[in-house]
Amino acid sequence: MFGRSATALPELCASLAEAVIRLDTKASTKSYRAIVDRLPEADQGELSEALPPLVPALEQVALGNGALLATLVAGLIEQGADPLPVLPVLVDRVSTGLELAAQFGVLSDKLGGPATAPTSAEEYKDLRERLIRAAPQAGLSVEEAGEIAQAWFTVNDWIPSLLLPLQQKAARQALPARDRLTAAAASMTTHAEDAAWLFGLLEVLDDEPLLVLHRPTSRAYDLTVSGVSDNFQLHTLLAATLIGDESRGLLPGTRPEPAWIAAATDGDLMPADGIRGQFYLADASGETIWNEGRLADIPLLGDHRVIVLDPPPYERSWNLGRAYPLMKPEVVLNRILPADEATQWASRVSPAS
């Protein structure tokens, strides 16, 4: 018999999807275990072919029953599968789950006490009875109340299926319904543990023009930035990119240590002795750019976000080089501006406040 073995990932994932759709727990477990066993032998092509057969199951599985499937998808992506075929369904399911979960406050006051995720049939029955009583008081149907409660307790289990792909630039650029997902994640950042991490990835900018002015030397630099999670990371990468040979127009100073640069790119996240800042950062209006913020928070001046570098008024250090271990940052120096252009930009910015 010719053709690929039925033990290859695409066929195993198709079998899993069919079992999930027909609610066959025994067959689902068998297929899931076979997939896990096959994973170490699969190359990137086989991994990528394994995701599309899972789409029907991702679309149809109940939110409360889909955690294992979502975890599997995240695992396949982490191993090297192309996430683009499953992005639309993941965005839809996660957005819907977050939107429903955000309505749980309407129910919580009507449930007659704290609600916790059921761990047994008896606890599920008790929560179901409480929902039936609370739904009319909250202006909801019993079905709506059930969906909201299910989402509240389970949507966090789905979020990692997006945390993995959104650390890839191609996935961020191809992401559908970004505004909907961003609003949904923002509504749950204080309630679902992983919602804040998801929101942070959705705030990451790619191919973003950045104009950097160094006030002490009156030099200016045109850069393009992608995949930077926060201004701690940006601070290190700016120093790594701009401090160097002054005869070539770069900045004076001591370059970040290799361990700091590695922590901000693709090495160990936390250097043994921490990371020290090289600059004080301000925006074009003179306001401090805090390291805790993001590139997206820096206001535009024309079509560029502008950062003004001054000497640091005090020493500042931090421990973590980057927030997302798998996200590869890009800080590209396009050109060093000639003196007249640098002076023109400098005339448009305010002194540091």
Protein backbone atom coordinates (compact mmCIF):
# COMPACT_ATOMS: atom_id res chain seq x y z
CA MET A 1 0.00 0.00 0.00
CA PHE A 2 1.39 3.36 -1.00
CA GLY A 3 1.00 6.72 0.73
CA ARG A 4 1.73 8.08 4.15
CA SER A 5 1.26 6.01 7.27
CA ALA A 6 -1.93 6.50 9.26
CA THR A 7 0.35 7.22 12.22
CA ALA A 8 1.54 10.53 10.66
CA LEU A 9 0.39 13.66 12.46
CA PRO A 10 -2.13 14.93 9.86
CA GLU A 11 -4.04 11.63 9.93
CA LEU A 12 -3.83 11.39 13.71
CA CYS A 13 -5.10 14.96 14.06
CA ALA A 14 -7.96 14.23 11.64
CA SER A 15 -8.93 11.24 13.78
CA LEU A 16 -8.75 13.37 16.92
CA ALA A 17 -10.94 16.06 15.36
CA GLU A 18 -13.58 13.51 14.35
CA ALA A 19 -13.58 12.01 17.85
CA VAL A 20 -13.90 15.42 19.50
CA ILE A 21 -16.83 16.37 17.25
CA ARG A 22 -18.74 13.16 18.01
CA LEU A 23 -17.91 13.51 21.75
CA ASP A 24 -16.06 10.18 21.83
CA THR A 25 -13.84 10.56 24.89
CA LYS A 26 -12.15 7.18 24.56
CA ALA A 27 -11.20 7.72 20.90
CA SER A 28 -10.11 11.30 21.63
CA THR A 29 -7.76 10.12 24.38
CA LYS A 30 -6.30 7.41 22.15
CA SER A 31 -5.65 9.86 19.28
CA TYR A 32 -4.22 12.47 21.61
CA ARG A 33 -1.72 10.00 23.07
CA ALA A 34 -0.73 8.85 19.59
CA ILE A 35 -0.09 12.46 18.57
CA VAL A 36 2.11 13.05 21.61
CA ASP A 37 4.08 9.89 20.81
CA ARG A 38 4.54 10.95 17.19
CA LEU A 39 5.66 14.52 17.90
CA PRO A 40 9.39 13.84 18.46
CA GLU A 41 9.66 12.22 15.00
CA ALA A 42 7.75 14.88 13.01
CA ASP A 43 9.52 17.44 10.85
CA GLN A 44 8.25 20.98 10.28
CA GLY A 45 6.30 20.02 7.16
CA GLU A 46 4.41 17.28 8.95
CA LEU A 47 3.77 19.55 11.93
CA SER A 48 2.30 22.26 9.68
CA GLU A 49 0.09 19.77 7.83
CA ALA A 50 -1.27 18.59 11.18
CA LEU A 51 -2.99 21.86 12.12
CA PRO A 52 -5.64 22.29 9.35
CA PRO A 53 -7.41 18.96 10.16
CA LEU A 54 -8.01 20.30 13.69
CA VAL A 55 -9.95 23.37 12.50
CA PRO A 56 -13.43 21.71 12.44
CA ALA A 57 -12.99 20.50 16.01
CA LEU A 58 -11.71 23.89 17.15
CA GLU A 59 -14.80 25.48 15.62
CA GLN A 60 -17.29 23.06 17.16
CA VAL A 61 -15.96 21.98 20.55
CA ALA A 62 -17.61 23.58 23.56
CA LEU A 63 -15.39 26.19 25.17
CA GLY A 64 -15.37 24.24 28.42
CA ASN A 65 -14.31 21.03 26.69
CA GLY A 66 -11.66 22.47 24.40
CA ALA A 67 -8.76 23.14 26.77
CA LEU A 68 -6.87 19.98 25.83
CA LEU A 69 -7.34 20.67 22.12
CA ALA A 70 -6.16 24.27 22.49
CA THR A 71 -3.14 23.08 24.47
CA LEU A 72 -2.30 20.60 21.71
CA VAL A 73 -2.47 23.35 19.09
CA ALA A 74 -0.10 25.48 21.18
CA GLY A 75 2.28 22.53 21.46
CA LEU A 76 2.30 21.89 17.72
CA ILE A 77 3.03 25.57 17.06
CA GLU A 78 5.81 25.59 19.65
CA GLN A 79 7.36 22.58 17.93
CA GLY A 80 7.36 24.41 14.57
CA ALA A 81 3.93 24.15 12.92
CA ASP A 82 2.84 27.09 10.77
CA PRO A 83 0.07 28.76 12.83
CA LEU A 84 -1.55 30.78 10.03
CA PRO A 85 -4.22 28.18 9.07
CA VAL A 86 -5.65 28.11 12.61
CA LEU A 87 -5.37 31.82 13.46
CA PRO A 88 -8.90 32.78 12.36
CA VAL A 89 -10.64 30.09 14.42
CA LEU A 90 -8.42 30.68 17.45
CA VAL A 91 -9.05 34.42 17.34
CA ASP A 92 -12.80 33.85 17.07
CA ARG A 93 -12.98 31.30 19.89
CA VAL A 94 -10.73 33.24 22.26
CA SER A 95 -12.47 36.56 21.51
CA THR A 96 -15.88 35.02 22.09
CA GLY A 97 -14.72 33.40 25.31
CA LEU A 98 -13.25 36.63 26.65
CA GLU A 99 -16.35 38.62 25.68
CA LEU A 100 -18.59 36.14 27.45
CA ALA A 101 -16.36 35.92 30.50
CA ALA A 102 -16.36 39.72 30.82
CA GLN A 103 -20.10 39.49 31.51
CA PHE A 104 -19.64 37.26 34.55
CA GLY A 105 -19.90 40.24 36.86
CA VAL A 106 -23.58 40.48 35.90
CA LEU A 107 -24.08 36.99 37.32
CA SER A 108 -21.67 36.96 40.25
CA ASP A 109 -23.80 39.17 42.49
CA LYS A 110 -26.83 36.96 41.88
CA LEU A 111 -25.27 33.57 42.60
CA GLY A 112 -25.66 33.76 46.36
CA GLY A 113 -21.98 33.35 47.24
CA PRO A 114 -18.59 32.85 45.60
CA ALA A 115 -18.51 30.68 42.49
CA THR A 116 -15.60 28.35 41.83
CA ALA A 117 -14.92 26.08 38.88
CA PRO A 118 -16.63 22.71 39.44
CA THR A 119 -14.29 19.76 39.87
CA SER A 120 -16.90 17.01 40.21
CA ALA A 121 -20.34 16.10 38.92
CA GLU A 122 -21.84 17.15 42.24
CA GLU A 123 -20.19 20.58 42.14
CA TYR A 124 -21.26 21.02 38.52
CA LYS A 125 -24.87 20.18 39.46
CA ASP A 126 -24.77 22.70 42.32
CA LEU A 127 -23.41 25.47 40.06
CA ARG A 128 -25.98 24.62 37.39
CA GLU A 129 -28.83 24.98 39.89
CA ARG A 130 -27.44 28.31 41.13
CA LEU A 131 -27.17 29.57 37.54
CA ILE A 132 -30.78 28.59 36.84
CA ARG A 133 -31.89 30.65 39.82
CA ALA A 134 -29.57 33.60 39.08
CA ALA A 135 -30.18 33.93 35.33
CA PRO A 136 -33.61 35.67 35.46
CA GLN A 137 -32.37 38.09 38.13
CA ALA A 138 -29.45 39.04 35.89
CA GLY A 139 -31.72 39.50 32.86
CA LEU A 140 -30.27 36.45 31.11
CA SER A 141 -31.61 33.19 29.79
CA VAL A 142 -30.37 30.05 31.48
CA GLU A 143 -28.44 29.18 28.31
CA GLU A 144 -26.74 32.60 28.27
CA ALA A 145 -25.85 32.34 31.94
CA GLY A 146 -24.36 28.89 31.35
CA GLU A 147 -22.21 30.12 28.46
CA ILE A 148 -20.97 33.08 30.50
CA ALA A 149 -20.03 30.88 33.46
CA GLN A 150 -18.35 28.32 31.21
CA ALA A 151 -16.28 31.05 29.58
CA TRP A 152 -15.34 32.58 32.94
CA PHE A 153 -13.90 29.32 34.21
CA THR A 154 -12.26 28.04 31.01
CA VAL A 155 -11.23 30.80 28.58
CA ASN A 156 -7.82 31.19 30.23
CA ASP A 157 -7.03 27.64 29.10
CA TRP A 158 -7.50 28.72 25.45
CA ILE A 159 -5.30 31.82 25.55
CA PRO A 160 -1.92 30.01 25.26
CA SER A 161 -2.97 28.80 21.81
CA LEU A 162 -2.55 32.44 20.74
CA LEU A 163 0.37 33.36 23.00
CA LEU A 164 2.62 30.98 21.08
CA PRO A 165 1.87 32.11 17.49
CA LEU A 166 1.73 35.82 18.32
CA GLN A 167 5.39 35.71 19.29
CA GLN A 168 6.02 35.25 15.56
CA LYS A 169 6.09 38.35 13.38
CA ALA A 170 4.31 36.64 10.47
CA ALA A 171 1.42 35.63 12.72
CA ARG A 172 1.10 39.11 14.22
CA GLN A 173 1.00 40.63 10.75
CA ALA A 174 -1.59 38.10 9.51
CA LEU A 175 -3.80 38.32 12.59
CA PRO A 176 -7.49 38.75 11.71
CA ALA A 177 -9.96 40.77 13.81
CA ARG A 178 -7.16 42.38 15.84
CA ASP A 179 -9.36 45.19 17.21
CA ARG A 180 -11.99 42.74 18.46
CA LEU A 181 -9.42 40.49 20.12
CA THR A 182 -7.60 43.46 21.67
CA ALA A 183 -10.79 44.86 23.18
CA ALA A 184 -11.78 41.43 24.49
CA ALA A 185 -8.36 40.83 26.06
CA ALA A 186 -8.34 44.31 27.61
CA SER A 187 -11.67 43.63 29.29
CA MET A 188 -10.26 40.58 31.08
CA THR A 189 -6.67 41.56 31.96
CA THR A 190 -7.47 41.75 35.68
CA HIS A 191 -9.50 38.54 35.74
CA ALA A 192 -7.84 35.96 33.47
CA GLU A 193 -4.17 35.34 34.23
CA ASP A 194 -3.05 35.05 30.61
CA ALA A 195 -5.27 37.84 29.23
CA ALA A 196 -2.69 40.48 30.21
CA TRP A 197 0.03 38.56 28.36
CA LEU A 198 -2.21 38.32 25.32
CA PHE A 199 -3.00 42.03 25.46
CA GLY A 200 0.73 42.81 25.66
CA LEU A 201 1.40 40.86 22.47
CA LEU A 202 -1.45 42.62 20.70
CA GLU A 203 0.19 45.96 21.57
CA VAL A 204 3.50 44.96 19.96
CA LEU A 205 4.35 47.03 16.87
CA ASP A 206 6.07 45.69 13.77
CA ASP A 207 7.99 47.58 11.08
CA GLU A 208 7.43 50.73 13.13
CA PRO A 209 9.43 53.87 12.17
CA LEU A 210 11.32 55.37 15.11
CA LEU A 211 13.26 58.62 15.23
CA VAL A 212 15.87 58.80 18.00
CA LEU A 213 17.53 62.10 18.98
CA HIS A 214 20.59 62.19 21.24
CA ARG A 215 20.49 65.61 22.82
CA PRO A 216 24.11 65.80 24.15
CA THR A 217 25.64 65.20 20.68
CA SER A 218 22.79 66.60 18.54
CA ARG A 219 22.80 63.37 16.54
CA ALA A 220 19.67 61.72 15.18
CA TYR A 221 18.90 58.24 13.90
CA ASP A 222 16.17 56.72 11.76
CA LEU A 223 15.30 53.19 12.87
CA THR A 224 12.68 50.51 12.25
CA VAL A 225 11.51 48.41 15.18
CA SER A 226 9.61 45.10 15.34
CA GLY A 227 8.80 42.59 18.04
CA VAL A 228 9.79 44.60 21.13
CA SER A 229 7.59 43.89 24.12
CA ASP A 230 8.31 46.83 26.43
CA ASN A 231 10.59 49.80 26.94
CA PHE A 232 12.96 47.89 29.22
CA GLN A 233 13.82 45.72 26.22
CA LEU A 234 13.78 48.71 23.85
CA HIS A 235 16.16 50.63 26.13
CA THR A 236 18.76 47.83 25.96
CA LEU A 237 18.39 47.37 22.21
CA LEU A 238 18.72 51.10 21.49
CA ALA A 239 21.95 51.19 23.47
CA ALA A 240 23.21 48.09 21.66
CA THR A 241 22.36 49.59 18.26
CA LEU A 242 23.48 53.20 18.73
CA ILE A 243 26.50 53.16 21.04
CA GLY A 244 29.68 52.51 19.09
CA ASP A 245 32.32 54.05 16.86
CA GLU A 246 31.87 57.82 17.07
CA SER A 247 33.82 58.32 13.86
CA ARG A 248 30.97 56.49 12.09
CA GLY A 249 28.37 58.74 13.69
CA LEU A 250 27.40 56.45 16.55
CA LEU A 251 27.07 57.51 20.17
CA PRO A 252 29.69 57.71 22.89
CA GLY A 253 29.33 55.48 25.90
CA THR A 254 29.76 51.93 27.05
CA ARG A 255 27.88 49.33 25.03
CA PRO A 256 25.60 46.96 26.93
CA GLU A 257 27.29 43.77 28.05
CA PRO A 258 26.79 40.75 25.77
CA ALA A 259 24.65 39.04 28.42
CA TRP A 260 22.30 42.06 28.50
CA ILE A 261 21.93 42.04 24.73
CA ALA A 262 21.36 38.28 24.75
CA ALA A 263 18.67 38.67 27.41
CA ALA A 264 16.90 41.25 25.23
CA THR A 265 17.09 39.08 22.10
CA ASP A 266 17.37 35.31 22.24
CA GLY A 267 19.54 34.32 25.21
CA ASP A 268 19.01 33.73 28.91
CA LEU A 269 16.26 36.05 30.11
CA MET A 270 17.91 37.15 33.36
CA PRO A 271 21.63 38.01 33.42
CA ALA A 272 23.30 37.15 36.71
CA ASP A 273 24.05 40.77 37.64
CA GLY A 274 20.98 42.37 36.07
CA ILE A 275 20.82 44.99 33.30
CA ARG A 276 21.69 48.67 33.68
CA GLY A 277 20.19 51.57 31.78
CA GLN A 278 22.31 53.84 29.59
CA PHE A 279 19.94 56.74 28.93
CA TYR A 280 17.06 58.82 30.17
CA LEU A 281 14.25 58.54 27.60
CA ALA A 282 11.72 61.29 26.84
CA ASP A 283 9.14 61.75 24.11
CA ALA A 284 8.82 64.72 21.77
CA SER A 285 6.73 66.66 24.30
CA GLY A 286 9.38 66.23 26.99
CA GLU A 287 7.46 63.62 28.99
CA THR A 288 9.35 60.71 30.51
CA ILE A 289 9.17 57.43 28.61
CA TRP A 290 8.97 54.91 31.40
CA ASN A 291 10.61 51.53 30.90
CA GLU A 292 7.43 49.88 32.15
CA GLY A 293 5.54 51.21 29.10
CA ARG A 294 5.51 50.07 25.48
CA LEU A 295 6.60 51.47 22.14
CA ALA A 296 2.92 51.86 21.23
CA ASP A 297 2.53 54.31 24.15
CA ILE A 298 5.07 56.75 22.67
CA PRO A 299 3.19 59.51 20.84
CA LEU A 300 3.70 60.20 17.15
CA LEU A 301 5.32 63.36 15.87
CA GLY A 302 4.22 63.39 12.25
CA ASP A 303 4.69 59.85 11.01
CA HIS A 304 7.40 58.86 13.51
CA ARG A 305 7.45 58.02 17.17
CA VAL A 306 10.24 60.12 18.64
CA ILE A 307 12.57 59.23 21.50
CA VAL A 308 14.97 61.80 22.93
CA LEU A 309 18.00 60.43 24.75
CA ASP A 310 19.59 62.33 27.63
CA PRO A 311 22.17 61.26 30.22
CA PRO A 312 20.50 59.27 33.00
CA PRO A 313 20.00 61.37 36.17
CA TYR A 314 20.48 58.25 38.31
CA GLU A 315 21.43 54.62 37.81
CA ARG A 316 18.57 52.31 36.99
CA SER A 317 18.70 48.54 36.66
CA TRP A 318 16.33 45.67 36.01
CA ASN A 319 16.46 41.89 35.90
CA LEU A 320 14.40 40.64 32.95
CA GLY A 321 15.71 41.15 29.41
CA ARG A 322 12.47 40.47 27.54
CA ALA A 323 8.90 39.58 28.45
CA TYR A 324 8.21 37.00 25.70
CA PRO A 325 10.94 34.35 25.42
CA LEU A 326 10.14 33.26 21.85
CA MET A 327 9.58 36.69 20.28
CA LYS A 328 12.58 37.82 18.21
CA PRO A 329 13.04 41.60 18.27
CA GLU A 330 14.33 43.66 15.36
CA VAL A 331 15.91 47.10 15.76
CA VAL A 332 17.33 48.21 12.42
CA LEU A 333 19.37 51.39 11.99
CA ASN A 334 18.31 52.65 8.57
CA ARG A 335 20.44 55.77 8.48
CA ILE A 336 22.21 58.40 10.54
CA LEU A 337 20.58 61.73 9.79
CA PRO A 338 22.76 64.53 8.41
CA ALA A 339 23.31 67.49 10.74
CA ASP A 340 20.69 69.75 9.10
CA GLU A 341 17.96 67.08 9.39
CA ALA A 342 18.94 66.32 12.96
CA THR A 343 18.73 70.03 13.83
CA GLN A 344 15.32 70.27 12.21
CA TRP A 345 13.99 67.37 14.28
CA ALA A 346 15.59 68.74 17.44
CA SER A 347 13.76 72.04 16.93
CA ARG A 348 10.44 70.18 17.09
CA VAL A 349 10.94 68.56 20.48
CA SER A 350 10.55 70.01 23.96
CA PRO A 351 13.12 69.93 26.77
CA ALA A 352 12.78 67.03 29.16
CA SER A 353 10.23 67.87 31.83
